[in-house]
Amino acid sequence: MTKVQIYTTNWCPYCNAAKELLSDKGVPYEEIDVTNPVQRDAMVQRANGRRTVPQIFIGETHVGGYDDMAALERRGQLDPLLA
C-alpha cells in the first residue's frame, strides 16, 4: 500500500473527515501536526503554496484537501491511487 501523509491541525473538521475516510477504508496514514511553524512551512512548500489543512499526499502525489480526496473517492479513483 502507498504511504499516505496528512498535514493537519487538531481542531480542523476537514482534517477529521479525511482521517475518518481513510480509517473507514483501513488505510494507515502518517499525521503531521502543522501547529508547529516548521511543519507548517514544510507543508506550504510541499503543497505548492497551499496553506489550508488538510493537505494530503498519497505517495508523491499531492491530492489536495479533503474535498479533493472525497471527489476521487466518488469517481472511483482513490483506491487505485492507494494501491
Protein backbone atom coordinates (compact mmCIF):
# COMPACT_ATOMS: atom_id res chain seq x y z
CA MET A 1 0.00 0.00 0.00
CA THR A 2 1.22 3.50 -0.82
CA LYS A 3 2.33 5.76 2.04
CA VAL A 4 -0.24 8.39 2.99
CA GLN A 5 0.65 11.61 4.81
CA ILE A 6 -1.85 14.17 6.07
CA TYR A 7 -0.88 17.62 7.31
CA THR A 8 -3.44 18.59 9.95
CA THR A 9 -4.41 20.61 12.98
CA ASN A 10 -6.40 19.03 15.80
CA TRP A 11 -9.31 21.50 15.54
CA CYS A 12 -9.96 21.13 11.80
CA PRO A 13 -13.23 19.34 10.89
CA TYR A 14 -12.00 18.65 7.34
CA CYS A 15 -8.87 17.00 8.78
CA ASN A 16 -11.07 14.78 10.91
CA ALA A 17 -13.24 13.89 7.90
CA ALA A 18 -10.15 12.98 5.84
CA LYS A 19 -8.77 10.79 8.62
CA GLU A 20 -12.16 9.13 9.06
CA LEU A 21 -12.47 8.37 5.34
CA LEU A 22 -9.04 6.74 5.32
CA SER A 23 -9.70 4.86 8.55
CA ASP A 24 -13.01 3.55 7.20
CA LYS A 25 -11.06 2.18 4.22
CA GLY A 26 -8.47 0.62 6.54
CA VAL A 27 -5.71 2.84 5.18
CA PRO A 28 -2.88 3.69 7.58
CA TYR A 29 -1.59 7.26 7.42
CA GLU A 30 1.03 9.49 8.95
CA GLU A 31 -0.42 12.61 10.54
CA ILE A 32 1.78 15.70 10.62
CA ASP A 33 0.60 18.43 13.01
CA VAL A 34 1.19 21.85 11.48
CA THR A 35 0.63 23.85 14.65
CA ASN A 36 4.44 23.67 14.71
CA PRO A 37 5.62 26.52 12.42
CA VAL A 38 8.46 24.43 10.99
CA GLN A 39 5.99 21.71 9.93
CA ARG A 40 3.59 24.31 8.51
CA ASP A 41 6.37 25.84 6.43
CA ALA A 42 7.32 22.39 5.14
CA MET A 43 3.67 21.71 4.23
CA VAL A 44 3.29 25.02 2.38
CA GLN A 45 6.43 24.37 0.39
CA ARG A 46 5.47 20.77 -0.42
CA ALA A 47 1.86 21.75 -1.29
CA ASN A 48 2.91 24.43 -3.78
CA GLY A 49 1.91 27.34 -1.56
CA ARG A 50 -1.37 25.96 -0.24
CA ARG A 51 -1.76 26.97 3.40
CA THR A 52 -5.05 25.30 4.37
CA VAL A 53 -5.39 21.95 6.09
CA PRO A 54 -5.63 19.16 5.49
CA GLN A 55 -3.07 18.71 2.76
CA ILE A 56 -3.00 15.06 1.71
CA PHE A 57 -0.21 13.22 -0.06
CA ILE A 58 -0.52 9.68 -1.35
CA GLY A 59 2.98 8.59 -2.22
CA GLU A 60 4.44 11.58 -4.04
CA THR A 61 1.04 12.64 -5.39
CA HIS A 62 -0.40 15.80 -3.83
CA VAL A 63 -4.12 15.03 -3.61
CA GLY A 64 -5.02 18.37 -2.07
CA GLY A 65 -7.58 18.74 0.70
CA TYR A 66 -10.46 16.65 1.98
CA ASP A 67 -12.84 17.78 -0.78
CA ASP A 68 -10.31 16.72 -3.40
CA MET A 69 -9.84 13.29 -1.79
CA ALA A 70 -13.61 12.81 -1.40
CA ALA A 71 -14.08 13.66 -5.09
CA LEU A 72 -11.50 11.00 -6.01
CA GLU A 73 -13.44 8.51 -3.87
CA ARG A 74 -16.76 9.35 -5.56
CA ARG A 75 -15.18 8.89 -9.00
CA GLY A 76 -13.65 5.54 -8.00
CA GLN A 77 -10.12 6.92 -8.39
CA LEU A 78 -8.96 6.84 -4.77
CA ASP A 79 -8.47 3.09 -4.34
CA PRO A 80 -6.18 2.75 -7.40
CA LEU A 81 -4.09 5.64 -6.09
CA LEU A 82 -3.79 3.94 -2.69
CA ALA A 83 -2.82 0.53 -4.15
